[in-house]
Amino acid sequence: MTNLPSKSVIYTGITNNLVKRIEEHKTSIGSRFTAKYNASSLVYYEEYQDPESAITREKQIKAGSRKAKIKLIESVNPNWKDLGNEL
Protein backbone atom coordinates (compact mmCIF):
# COMPACT_ATOMS: atom_id res chain seq x y z
CA MET A 1 0.00 0.00 0.00
CA THR A 2 1.21 3.47 -0.75
CA ASN A 3 0.08 6.75 0.70
CA LEU A 4 0.47 10.50 0.79
CA PRO A 5 2.67 11.93 3.52
CA SER A 6 -0.51 13.32 5.11
CA LYS A 7 -2.00 9.77 5.23
CA SER A 8 -5.14 11.06 3.53
CA VAL A 9 -4.96 8.55 0.65
CA ILE A 10 -4.17 4.84 0.83
CA TYR A 11 -3.60 3.08 -2.50
CA THR A 12 -3.69 -0.72 -2.77
CA GLY A 13 -2.40 -2.62 -5.78
CA ILE A 14 -0.40 -5.63 -6.95
CA THR A 15 2.74 -6.01 -9.03
CA ASN A 16 5.24 -8.66 -10.04
CA ASN A 17 8.13 -6.20 -9.59
CA LEU A 18 7.78 -4.07 -6.46
CA VAL A 19 11.00 -2.09 -6.91
CA LYS A 20 10.04 -1.08 -10.46
CA ARG A 21 6.47 -0.26 -9.43
CA ILE A 22 7.57 1.97 -6.57
CA GLU A 23 9.87 3.86 -8.94
CA GLU A 24 6.92 4.31 -11.31
CA HIS A 25 4.79 5.67 -8.46
CA LYS A 26 7.53 8.08 -7.39
CA THR A 27 7.89 9.40 -10.96
CA SER A 28 4.11 9.42 -11.64
CA ILE A 29 4.33 6.76 -14.36
CA GLY A 30 1.74 4.04 -14.87
CA SER A 31 -1.00 4.99 -12.44
CA ARG A 32 -3.23 8.00 -12.88
CA PHE A 33 -4.45 7.59 -9.31
CA THR A 34 -1.01 7.78 -7.72
CA ALA A 35 0.01 10.59 -10.07
CA LYS A 36 -3.09 12.59 -9.15
CA TYR A 37 -2.75 12.06 -5.40
CA ASN A 38 1.05 11.68 -5.19
CA ALA A 39 0.64 8.44 -3.24
CA SER A 40 4.26 7.39 -3.53
CA SER A 41 5.37 6.21 -0.08
CA LEU A 42 5.37 2.44 0.34
CA VAL A 43 4.02 1.82 3.83
CA TYR A 44 2.99 -1.85 3.65
CA TYR A 45 3.52 -4.85 1.41
CA GLU A 46 3.08 -8.60 1.32
CA GLU A 47 4.81 -11.10 -0.95
CA TYR A 48 3.09 -13.99 -2.72
CA GLN A 49 4.50 -16.70 -4.97
CA ASP A 50 1.48 -16.98 -7.23
CA PRO A 51 -0.62 -14.22 -8.82
CA GLU A 52 -3.94 -15.78 -7.82
CA SER A 53 -3.11 -15.52 -4.12
CA ALA A 54 -1.94 -11.93 -4.57
CA ILE A 55 -5.14 -10.96 -6.37
CA THR A 56 -7.29 -12.63 -3.71
CA ARG A 57 -5.45 -10.77 -0.96
CA GLU A 58 -5.63 -7.46 -2.83
CA LYS A 59 -9.41 -7.85 -3.08
CA GLN A 60 -9.63 -8.60 0.66
CA ILE A 61 -7.64 -5.49 1.53
CA LYS A 62 -9.57 -3.27 -0.89
CA ALA A 63 -12.88 -4.54 0.53
CA GLY A 64 -11.79 -3.57 4.03
CA SER A 65 -12.47 -0.28 5.70
CA ARG A 66 -9.96 2.54 5.90
CA LYS A 67 -9.67 1.77 9.62
CA ALA A 68 -8.76 -1.86 8.82
CA LYS A 69 -6.09 -0.71 6.34
CA ILE A 70 -4.59 1.65 8.90
CA LYS A 71 -4.55 -1.13 11.49
CA LEU A 72 -2.82 -3.45 9.00
CA ILE A 73 -0.18 -0.83 8.14
CA GLU A 74 0.45 0.09 11.76
CA SER A 75 0.79 -3.56 12.79
CA VAL A 76 4.14 -3.66 10.96
CA ASN A 77 4.94 0.01 10.32
CA PRO A 78 3.61 2.14 13.19
CA ASN A 79 5.45 5.28 12.06
CA TRP A 80 4.36 4.98 8.41
CA LYS A 81 7.98 4.97 7.30
CA ASP A 82 8.57 4.79 3.53
CA LEU A 83 9.62 1.17 3.06
CA GLY A 84 10.41 1.73 -0.61
CA ASN A 85 13.81 3.09 0.35
CA GLU A 86 14.73 -0.28 1.89
CA LEU A 87 14.05 -2.42 -1.18
PDB file of N, CA and C in Angstrom:
ATOM      1  N   MET A   1       0.851  -1.165   0.000  1.00  0.00           N
ATOM      2  CA  MET A   1       0.000   0.000   0.000  1.00  0.00           C
ATOM      3  C   MET A   1       0.896   1.228   0.000  1.00  0.00           C
ATOM      4  N   THR A   2       0.492   2.210  -0.739  1.00  0.00           N
ATOM      5  CA  THR A   2       1.212   3.474  -0.749  1.00  0.00           C
ATOM      6  C   THR A   2       0.291   4.570  -0.242  1.00  0.00           C
ATOM      7  N   ASN A   3       0.901   5.664   0.184  1.00  0.00           N
ATOM      8  CA  ASN A   3       0.080   6.747   0.699  1.00  0.00           C
ATOM      9  C   ASN A   3       0.747   8.090   0.483  1.00  0.00           C
ATOM     10  N   LEU A   4      -0.032   9.129   0.754  1.00  0.00           N
ATOM     11  CA  LEU A   4       0.473  10.496   0.791  1.00  0.00           C
ATOM     12  C   LEU A   4       1.158  10.710   2.134  1.00  0.00           C
ATOM     13  N   PRO A   5       2.077  11.641   2.216  1.00  0.00           N
ATOM     14  CA  PRO A   5       2.674  11.935   3.523  1.00  0.00           C
ATOM     15  C   PRO A   5       1.635  12.315   4.579  1.00  0.00           C
ATOM     16  N   SER A   6       0.534  12.918   4.168  1.00  0.00           N
ATOM     17  CA  SER A   6      -0.513  13.320   5.114  1.00  0.00           C
ATOM     18  C   SER A   6      -1.403  12.153   5.546  1.00  0.00           C
ATOM     19  N   LYS A   7      -1.209  10.978   4.948  1.00  0.00           N
ATOM     20  CA  LYS A   7      -2.000   9.775   5.233  1.00  0.00           C
ATOM     21  C   LYS A   7      -3.454   9.904   4.791  1.00  0.00           C
ATOM     22  N   SER A   8      -3.754  10.869   3.938  1.00  0.00           N
ATOM     23  CA  SER A   8      -5.141  11.062   3.526  1.00  0.00           C
ATOM     24  C   SER A   8      -5.583  10.087   2.443  1.00  0.00           C
ATOM     25  N   VAL A   9      -4.643   9.489   1.721  1.00  0.00           N
ATOM     26  CA  VAL A   9      -4.965   8.547   0.651  1.00  0.00           C
ATOM     27  C   VAL A   9      -4.163   7.272   0.865  1.00  0.00           C
ATOM     28  N   ILE A  10      -4.845   6.134   0.767  1.00  0.00           N
ATOM     29  CA  ILE A  10      -4.172   4.837   0.830  1.00  0.00           C
ATOM     30  C   ILE A  10      -4.484   4.110  -0.466  1.00  0.00           C
ATOM     31  N   TYR A  11      -3.455   3.761  -1.216  1.00  0.00           N
ATOM     32  CA  TYR A  11      -3.602   3.077  -2.501  1.00  0.00           C
ATOM     33  C   TYR A  11      -3.179   1.631  -2.333  1.00  0.00           C
ATOM     34  N   THR A  12      -3.986   0.706  -2.830  1.00  0.00           N
ATOM     35  CA  THR A  12      -3.687  -0.721  -2.774  1.00  0.00           C
ATOM     36  C   THR A  12      -3.601  -1.266  -4.187  1.00  0.00           C
ATOM     37  N   GLY A  13      -2.556  -2.032  -4.460  1.00  0.00           N
ATOM     38  CA  GLY A  13      -2.396  -2.624  -5.783  1.00  0.00           C
ATOM     39  C   GLY A  13      -1.447  -3.807  -5.733  1.00  0.00           C
ATOM     40  N   ILE A  14      -1.320  -4.494  -6.869  1.00  0.00           N
ATOM     41  CA  ILE A  14      -0.401  -5.629  -6.950  1.00  0.00           C
ATOM     42  C   ILE A  14       0.582  -5.403  -8.089  1.00  0.00           C
ATOM     43  N   THR A  15       1.710  -6.087  -7.999  1.00  0.00           N
ATOM     44  CA  THR A  15       2.737  -6.012  -9.029  1.00  0.00           C
ATOM     45  C   THR A  15       3.602  -7.262  -8.962  1.00  0.00           C
ATOM     46  N   ASN A  16       4.275  -7.557 -10.059  1.00  0.00           N
ATOM     47  CA  ASN A  16       5.237  -8.661 -10.037  1.00  0.00           C
ATOM     48  C   ASN A  16       6.667  -8.133  -9.910  1.00  0.00           C
ATOM     49  N   ASN A  17       6.812  -6.807  -9.764  1.00  0.00           N
ATOM     50  CA  ASN A  17       8.128  -6.197  -9.589  1.00  0.00           C
ATOM     51  C   ASN A  17       7.958  -4.955  -8.714  1.00  0.00           C
ATOM     52  N   LEU A  18       8.069  -5.150  -7.410  1.00  0.00           N
ATOM     53  CA  LEU A  18       7.783  -4.071  -6.462  1.00  0.00           C
ATOM     54  C   LEU A  18       8.748  -2.897  -6.610  1.00  0.00           C
ATOM     55  N   VAL A  19      10.021  -3.176  -6.785  1.00  0.00           N
ATOM     56  CA  VAL A  19      11.002  -2.094  -6.912  1.00  0.00           C
ATOM     57  C   VAL A  19      10.671  -1.207  -8.113  1.00  0.00           C
ATOM     58  N   LYS A  20      10.386  -1.838  -9.246  1.00  0.00           N
ATOM     59  CA  LYS A  20      10.039  -1.082 -10.455  1.00  0.00           C
ATOM     60  C   LYS A  20       8.748  -0.293 -10.249  1.00  0.00           C
ATOM     61  N   ARG A  21       7.767  -0.919  -9.621  1.00  0.00           N
ATOM     62  CA  ARG A  21       6.465  -0.262  -9.427  1.00  0.00           C
ATOM     63  C   ARG A  21       6.586   0.949  -8.512  1.00  0.00           C
ATOM     64  N   ILE A  22       7.376   0.839  -7.467  1.00  0.00           N
ATOM     65  CA  ILE A  22       7.568   1.974  -6.567  1.00  0.00           C
ATOM     66  C   ILE A  22       8.236   3.126  -7.310  1.00  0.00           C
ATOM     67  N   GLU A  23       9.224   2.817  -8.137  1.00  0.00           N
ATOM     68  CA  GLU A  23       9.873   3.859  -8.937  1.00  0.00           C
ATOM     69  C   GLU A  23       8.860   4.535  -9.864  1.00  0.00           C
ATOM     70  N   GLU A  24       7.970   3.741 -10.448  1.00  0.00           N
ATOM     71  CA  GLU A  24       6.922   4.308 -11.305  1.00  0.00           C
ATOM     72  C   GLU A  24       6.005   5.240 -10.513  1.00  0.00           C
ATOM     73  N   HIS A  25       5.649   4.825  -9.304  1.00  0.00           N
ATOM     74  CA  HIS A  25       4.793   5.673  -8.464  1.00  0.00           C
ATOM     75  C   HIS A  25       5.507   6.977  -8.116  1.00  0.00           C
ATOM     76  N   LYS A  26       6.780   6.889  -7.781  1.00  0.00           N
ATOM     77  CA  LYS A  26       7.532   8.079  -7.391  1.00  0.00           C
ATOM     78  C   LYS A  26       7.731   9.050  -8.552  1.00  0.00           C
ATOM     79  N   THR A  27       7.712   8.535  -9.782  1.00  0.00           N
ATOM     80  CA  THR A  27       7.893   9.396 -10.955  1.00  0.00           C
ATOM     81  C   THR A  27       6.580   9.613 -11.709  1.00  0.00           C
ATOM     82  N   SER A  28       5.465   9.232 -11.080  1.00  0.00           N
ATOM     83  CA  SER A  28       4.114   9.422 -11.640  1.00  0.00           C
ATOM     84  C   SER A  28       3.920   8.742 -12.991  1.00  0.00           C
ATOM     85  N   ILE A  29       4.484   7.553 -13.140  1.00  0.00           N
ATOM     86  CA  ILE A  29       4.329   6.764 -14.363  1.00  0.00           C
ATOM     87  C   ILE A  29       3.429   5.572 -14.061  1.00  0.00           C
ATOM     88  N   GLY A  30       2.486   5.289 -14.952  1.00  0.00           N
ATOM     89  CA  GLY A  30       1.745   4.038 -14.871  1.00  0.00           C
ATOM     90  C   GLY A  30       0.443   4.042 -14.099  1.00  0.00           C
ATOM     91  N   SER A  31       0.246   4.965 -13.203  1.00  0.00           N
ATOM     92  CA  SER A  31      -0.996   4.991 -12.437  1.00  0.00           C
ATOM     93  C   SER A  31      -1.509   6.420 -12.348  1.00  0.00           C
ATOM     94  N   ARG A  32      -2.649   6.657 -12.953  1.00  0.00           N
ATOM     95  CA  ARG A  32      -3.232   8.001 -12.879  1.00  0.00           C
ATOM     96  C   ARG A  32      -3.608   8.358 -11.444  1.00  0.00           C
ATOM     97  N   PHE A  33      -4.050   7.351 -10.693  1.00  0.00           N
ATOM     98  CA  PHE A  33      -4.450   7.594  -9.306  1.00  0.00           C
ATOM     99  C   PHE A  33      -3.271   8.095  -8.481  1.00  0.00           C
ATOM    100  N   THR A  34      -2.152   7.365  -8.532  1.00  0.00           N
ATOM    101  CA  THR A  34      -1.006   7.775  -7.724  1.00  0.00           C
ATOM    102  C   THR A  34      -0.408   9.078  -8.228  1.00  0.00           C
ATOM    103  N   ALA A  35      -0.477   9.321  -9.528  1.00  0.00           N
ATOM    104  CA  ALA A  35       0.013  10.590 -10.066  1.00  0.00           C
ATOM    105  C   ALA A  35      -0.856  11.743  -9.564  1.00  0.00           C
ATOM    106  N   LYS A  36      -2.161  11.544  -9.579  1.00  0.00           N
ATOM    107  CA  LYS A  36      -3.092  12.590  -9.146  1.00  0.00           C
ATOM    108  C   LYS A  36      -2.929  12.915  -7.665  1.00  0.00           C
ATOM    109  N   TYR A  37      -2.788  11.866  -6.846  1.00  0.00           N
ATOM    110  CA  TYR A  37      -2.747  12.058  -5.400  1.00  0.00           C
ATOM    111  C   TYR A  37      -1.344  12.003  -4.810  1.00  0.00           C
ATOM    112  N   ASN A  38      -0.338  11.777  -5.641  1.00  0.00           N
ATOM    113  CA  ASN A  38       1.049  11.685  -5.194  1.00  0.00           C
ATOM    114  C   ASN A  38       1.217  10.645  -4.083  1.00  0.00           C
ATOM    115  N   ALA A  39       0.541   9.522  -4.222  1.00  0.00           N
ATOM    116  CA  ALA A  39       0.638   8.440  -3.238  1.00  0.00           C
ATOM    117  C   ALA A  39       1.863   7.602  -3.577  1.00  0.00           C
ATOM    118  N   SER A  40       3.016   8.024  -3.092  1.00  0.00           N
ATOM    119  CA  SER A  40       4.256   7.394  -3.527  1.00  0.00           C
ATOM    120  C   SER A  40       5.081   6.767  -2.414  1.00  0.00           C
ATOM    121  N   SER A  41       4.635   6.832  -1.184  1.00  0.00           N
ATOM    122  CA  SER A  41       5.367   6.214  -0.078  1.00  0.00           C
ATOM    123  C   SER A  41       4.852   4.800   0.152  1.00  0.00           C
ATOM    124  N   LEU A  42       5.737   3.826   0.066  1.00  0.00           N
ATOM    125  CA  LEU A  42       5.365   2.438   0.338  1.00  0.00           C
ATOM    126  C   LEU A  42       5.328   2.248   1.848  1.00  0.00           C
ATOM    127  N   VAL A  43       4.159   1.946   2.379  1.00  0.00           N
ATOM    128  CA  VAL A  43       4.021   1.818   3.829  1.00  0.00           C
ATOM    129  C   VAL A  43       3.679   0.398   4.269  1.00  0.00           C
ATOM    130  N   TYR A  44       3.338  -0.462   3.315  1.00  0.00           N
ATOM    131  CA  TYR A  44       2.992  -1.849   3.651  1.00  0.00           C
ATOM    132  C   TYR A  44       3.070  -2.688   2.392  1.00  0.00           C
ATOM    133  N   TYR A  45       3.569  -3.916   2.532  1.00  0.00           N
ATOM    134  CA  TYR A  45       3.521  -4.846   1.405  1.00  0.00           C
ATOM    135  C   TYR A  45       3.556  -6.278   1.906  1.00  0.00           C
ATOM    136  N   GLU A  46       3.046  -7.157   1.084  1.00  0.00           N
ATOM    137  CA  GLU A  46       3.076  -8.597   1.320  1.00  0.00           C
ATOM    138  C   GLU A  46       3.605  -9.248   0.053  1.00  0.00           C
ATOM    139  N   GLU A  47       4.286 -10.380   0.201  1.00  0.00           N
ATOM    140  CA  GLU A  47       4.809 -11.101  -0.954  1.00  0.00           C
ATOM    141  C   GLU A  47       4.069 -12.423  -1.127  1.00  0.00           C
ATOM    142  N   TYR A  48       3.760 -12.743  -2.368  1.00  0.00           N
ATOM    143  CA  TYR A  48       3.088 -13.994  -2.717  1.00  0.00           C
ATOM    144  C   TYR A  48       3.813 -14.638  -3.884  1.00  0.00           C
ATOM    145  N   GLN A  49       3.829 -15.963  -3.904  1.00  0.00           N
ATOM    146  CA  GLN A  49       4.503 -16.700  -4.966  1.00  0.00           C
ATOM    147  C   GLN A  49       3.650 -16.819  -6.221  1.00  0.00           C
ATOM    148  N   ASP A  50       2.333 -16.825  -6.048  1.00  0.00           N
ATOM    149  CA  ASP A  50       1.481 -16.984  -7.230  1.00  0.00           C
ATOM    150  C   ASP A  50       0.514 -15.804  -7.348  1.00  0.00           C
ATOM    151  N   PRO A  51       0.246 -15.387  -8.585  1.00  0.00           N
ATOM    152  CA  PRO A  51      -0.619 -14.222  -8.821  1.00  0.00           C
ATOM    153  C   PRO A  51      -2.032 -14.373  -8.269  1.00  0.00           C
ATOM    154  N   GLU A  52      -2.570 -15.574  -8.298  1.00  0.00           N
ATOM    155  CA  GLU A  52      -3.941 -15.777  -7.820  1.00  0.00           C
ATOM    156  C   GLU A  52      -4.065 -15.419  -6.343  1.00  0.00           C
ATOM    157  N   SER A  53      -3.090 -15.845  -5.551  1.00  0.00           N
ATOM    158  CA  SER A  53      -3.110 -15.520  -4.120  1.00  0.00           C
ATOM    159  C   SER A  53      -2.978 -14.020  -3.897  1.00  0.00           C
ATOM    160  N   ALA A  54      -2.128 -13.382  -4.689  1.00  0.00           N
ATOM    161  CA  ALA A  54      -1.938 -11.933  -4.572  1.00  0.00           C
ATOM    162  C   ALA A  54      -3.224 -11.187  -4.912  1.00  0.00           C
ATOM    163  N   ILE A  55      -3.893 -11.610  -5.958  1.00  0.00           N
ATOM    164  CA  ILE A  55      -5.144 -10.962  -6.371  1.00  0.00           C
ATOM    165  C   ILE A  55      -6.227 -11.153  -5.314  1.00  0.00           C
ATOM    166  N   THR A  56      -6.315 -12.354  -4.767  1.00  0.00           N
ATOM    167  CA  THR A  56      -7.293 -12.632  -3.710  1.00  0.00           C
ATOM    168  C   THR A  56      -7.052 -11.729  -2.509  1.00  0.00           C
ATOM    169  N   ARG A  57      -5.790 -11.612  -2.107  1.00  0.00           N
ATOM    170  CA  ARG A  57      -5.454 -10.775  -0.956  1.00  0.00           C
ATOM    171  C   ARG A  57      -5.709  -9.295  -1.244  1.00  0.00           C
ATOM    172  N   GLU A  58      -5.378  -8.853  -2.455  1.00  0.00           N
ATOM    173  CA  GLU A  58      -5.634  -7.463  -2.834  1.00  0.00           C
ATOM    174  C   GLU A  58      -7.122  -7.148  -2.701  1.00  0.00           C
ATOM    175  N   LYS A  59      -7.966  -8.053  -3.172  1.00  0.00           N
ATOM    176  CA  LYS A  59      -9.414  -7.847  -3.080  1.00  0.00           C
ATOM    177  C   LYS A  59      -9.873  -7.782  -1.631  1.00  0.00           C
ATOM    178  N   GLN A  60      -9.283  -8.621  -0.766  1.00  0.00           N
ATOM    179  CA  GLN A  60      -9.630  -8.595   0.658  1.00  0.00           C
ATOM    180  C   GLN A  60      -9.282  -7.242   1.270  1.00  0.00           C
ATOM    181  N   ILE A  61      -8.079  -6.774   0.969  1.00  0.00           N
ATOM    182  CA  ILE A  61      -7.642  -5.493   1.531  1.00  0.00           C
ATOM    183  C   ILE A  61      -8.506  -4.354   1.005  1.00  0.00           C
ATOM    184  N   LYS A  62      -8.763  -4.336  -0.295  1.00  0.00           N
ATOM    185  CA  LYS A  62      -9.572  -3.271  -0.885  1.00  0.00           C
ATOM    186  C   LYS A  62     -10.996  -3.266  -0.339  1.00  0.00           C
ATOM    187  N   ALA A  63     -11.515  -4.440  -0.002  1.00  0.00           N
ATOM    188  CA  ALA A  63     -12.876  -4.537   0.535  1.00  0.00           C
ATOM    189  C   ALA A  63     -12.957  -4.061   1.979  1.00  0.00           C
ATOM    190  N   GLY A  64     -11.819  -3.989   2.638  1.00  0.00           N
ATOM    191  CA  GLY A  64     -11.793  -3.574   4.034  1.00  0.00           C
ATOM    192  C   GLY A  64     -11.982  -2.072   4.190  1.00  0.00           C
ATOM    193  N   SER A  65     -12.283  -1.695   5.393  1.00  0.00           N
ATOM    194  CA  SER A  65     -12.472  -0.277   5.704  1.00  0.00           C
ATOM    195  C   SER A  65     -11.123   0.441   5.769  1.00  0.00           C
ATOM    196  N   ARG A  66     -11.177   1.739   5.730  1.00  0.00           N
ATOM    197  CA  ARG A  66      -9.961   2.541   5.900  1.00  0.00           C
ATOM    198  C   ARG A  66      -9.319   2.232   7.254  1.00  0.00           C
ATOM    199  N   LYS A  67     -10.158   2.084   8.272  1.00  0.00           N
ATOM    200  CA  LYS A  67      -9.666   1.768   9.616  1.00  0.00           C
ATOM    201  C   LYS A  67      -8.910   0.437   9.616  1.00  0.00           C
ATOM    202  N   ALA A  68      -9.427  -0.554   8.901  1.00  0.00           N
ATOM    203  CA  ALA A  68      -8.762  -1.858   8.822  1.00  0.00           C
ATOM    204  C   ALA A  68      -7.418  -1.743   8.106  1.00  0.00           C
ATOM    205  N   LYS A  69      -7.354  -0.918   7.058  1.00  0.00           N
ATOM    206  CA  LYS A  69      -6.094  -0.713   6.336  1.00  0.00           C
ATOM    207  C   LYS A  69      -5.066  -0.035   7.232  1.00  0.00           C
ATOM    208  N   ILE A  70      -5.500   0.958   7.983  1.00  0.00           N
ATOM    209  CA  ILE A  70      -4.594   1.649   8.900  1.00  0.00           C
ATOM    210  C   ILE A  70      -4.078   0.683   9.957  1.00  0.00           C
ATOM    211  N   LYS A  71      -4.959  -0.143  10.485  1.00  0.00           N
ATOM    212  CA  LYS A  71      -4.555  -1.131  11.489  1.00  0.00           C
ATOM    213  C   LYS A  71      -3.528  -2.104  10.904  1.00  0.00           C
ATOM    214  N   LEU A  72      -3.741  -2.539   9.674  1.00  0.00           N
ATOM    215  CA  LEU A  72      -2.817  -3.448   9.000  1.00  0.00           C
ATOM    216  C   LEU A  72      -1.455  -2.784   8.817  1.00  0.00           C
ATOM    217  N   ILE A  73      -1.444  -1.560   8.330  1.00  0.00           N
ATOM    218  CA  ILE A  73      -0.184  -0.827   8.142  1.00  0.00           C
ATOM    219  C   ILE A  73       0.535  -0.671   9.473  1.00  0.00           C
ATOM    220  N   GLU A  74      -0.177  -0.205  10.475  1.00  0.00           N
ATOM    221  CA  GLU A  74       0.451   0.092  11.757  1.00  0.00           C
ATOM    222  C   GLU A  74       0.869  -1.149  12.530  1.00  0.00           C
ATOM    223  N   SER A  75       0.361  -2.320  12.136  1.00  0.00           N
ATOM    224  CA  SER A  75       0.792  -3.559  12.792  1.00  0.00           C
ATOM    225  C   SER A  75       2.250  -3.887  12.470  1.00  0.00           C
ATOM    226  N   VAL A  76       2.744  -3.400  11.340  1.00  0.00           N
ATOM    227  CA  VAL A  76       4.140  -3.663  10.955  1.00  0.00           C
ATOM    228  C   VAL A  76       4.945  -2.381  10.741  1.00  0.00           C
ATOM    229  N   ASN A  77       4.268  -1.253  10.620  1.00  0.00           N
ATOM    230  CA  ASN A  77       4.942   0.007  10.317  1.00  0.00           C
ATOM    231  C   ASN A  77       4.239   1.145  11.063  1.00  0.00           C
ATOM    232  N   PRO A  78       4.369   1.179  12.398  1.00  0.00           N
ATOM    233  CA  PRO A  78       3.606   2.144  13.193  1.00  0.00           C
ATOM    234  C   PRO A  78       3.914   3.609  12.890  1.00  0.00           C
ATOM    235  N   ASN A  79       5.077   3.893  12.360  1.00  0.00           N
ATOM    236  CA  ASN A  79       5.455   5.278  12.058  1.00  0.00           C
ATOM    237  C   ASN A  79       5.230   5.654  10.597  1.00  0.00           C
ATOM    238  N   TRP A  80       4.650   4.752   9.827  1.00  0.00           N
ATOM    239  CA  TRP A  80       4.357   4.978   8.411  1.00  0.00           C
ATOM    240  C   TRP A  80       5.623   5.373   7.641  1.00  0.00           C
ATOM    241  N   LYS A  81       6.712   4.727   7.984  1.00  0.00           N
ATOM    242  CA  LYS A  81       7.985   4.968   7.303  1.00  0.00           C
ATOM    243  C   LYS A  81       7.892   4.502   5.854  1.00  0.00           C
ATOM    244  N   ASP A  82       8.553   5.192   4.938  1.00  0.00           N
ATOM    245  CA  ASP A  82       8.569   4.792   3.527  1.00  0.00           C
ATOM    246  C   ASP A  82       9.476   3.578   3.376  1.00  0.00           C
ATOM    247  N   LEU A  83       8.872   2.418   3.182  1.00  0.00           N
ATOM    248  CA  LEU A  83       9.618   1.169   3.064  1.00  0.00           C
ATOM    249  C   LEU A  83      10.257   1.003   1.693  1.00  0.00           C
ATOM    250  N   GLY A  84       9.855   1.810   0.740  1.00  0.00           N
ATOM    251  CA  GLY A  84      10.406   1.728  -0.608  1.00  0.00           C
ATOM    252  C   GLY A  84      11.892   2.006  -0.653  1.00  0.00           C
ATOM    253  N   ASN A  85      12.385   2.773   0.298  1.00  0.00           N
ATOM    254  CA  ASN A  85      13.809   3.091   0.346  1.00  0.00           C
ATOM    255  C   ASN A  85      14.650   1.908   0.813  1.00  0.00           C
ATOM    256  N   GLU A  86      14.013   0.888   1.358  1.00  0.00           N
ATOM    257  CA  GLU A  86      14.727  -0.276   1.886  1.00  0.00           C
ATOM    258  C   GLU A  86      14.765  -1.443   0.915  1.00  0.00           C
ATOM    259  N   LEU A  87      14.103  -1.316  -0.223  1.00  0.00           N
ATOM    260  CA  LEU A  87      14.046  -2.424  -1.181  1.00  0.00           C
ATOM    261  C   LEU A  87      15.280  -2.461  -2.051  1.00  0.00           C
TER     262      LEU A  87
END
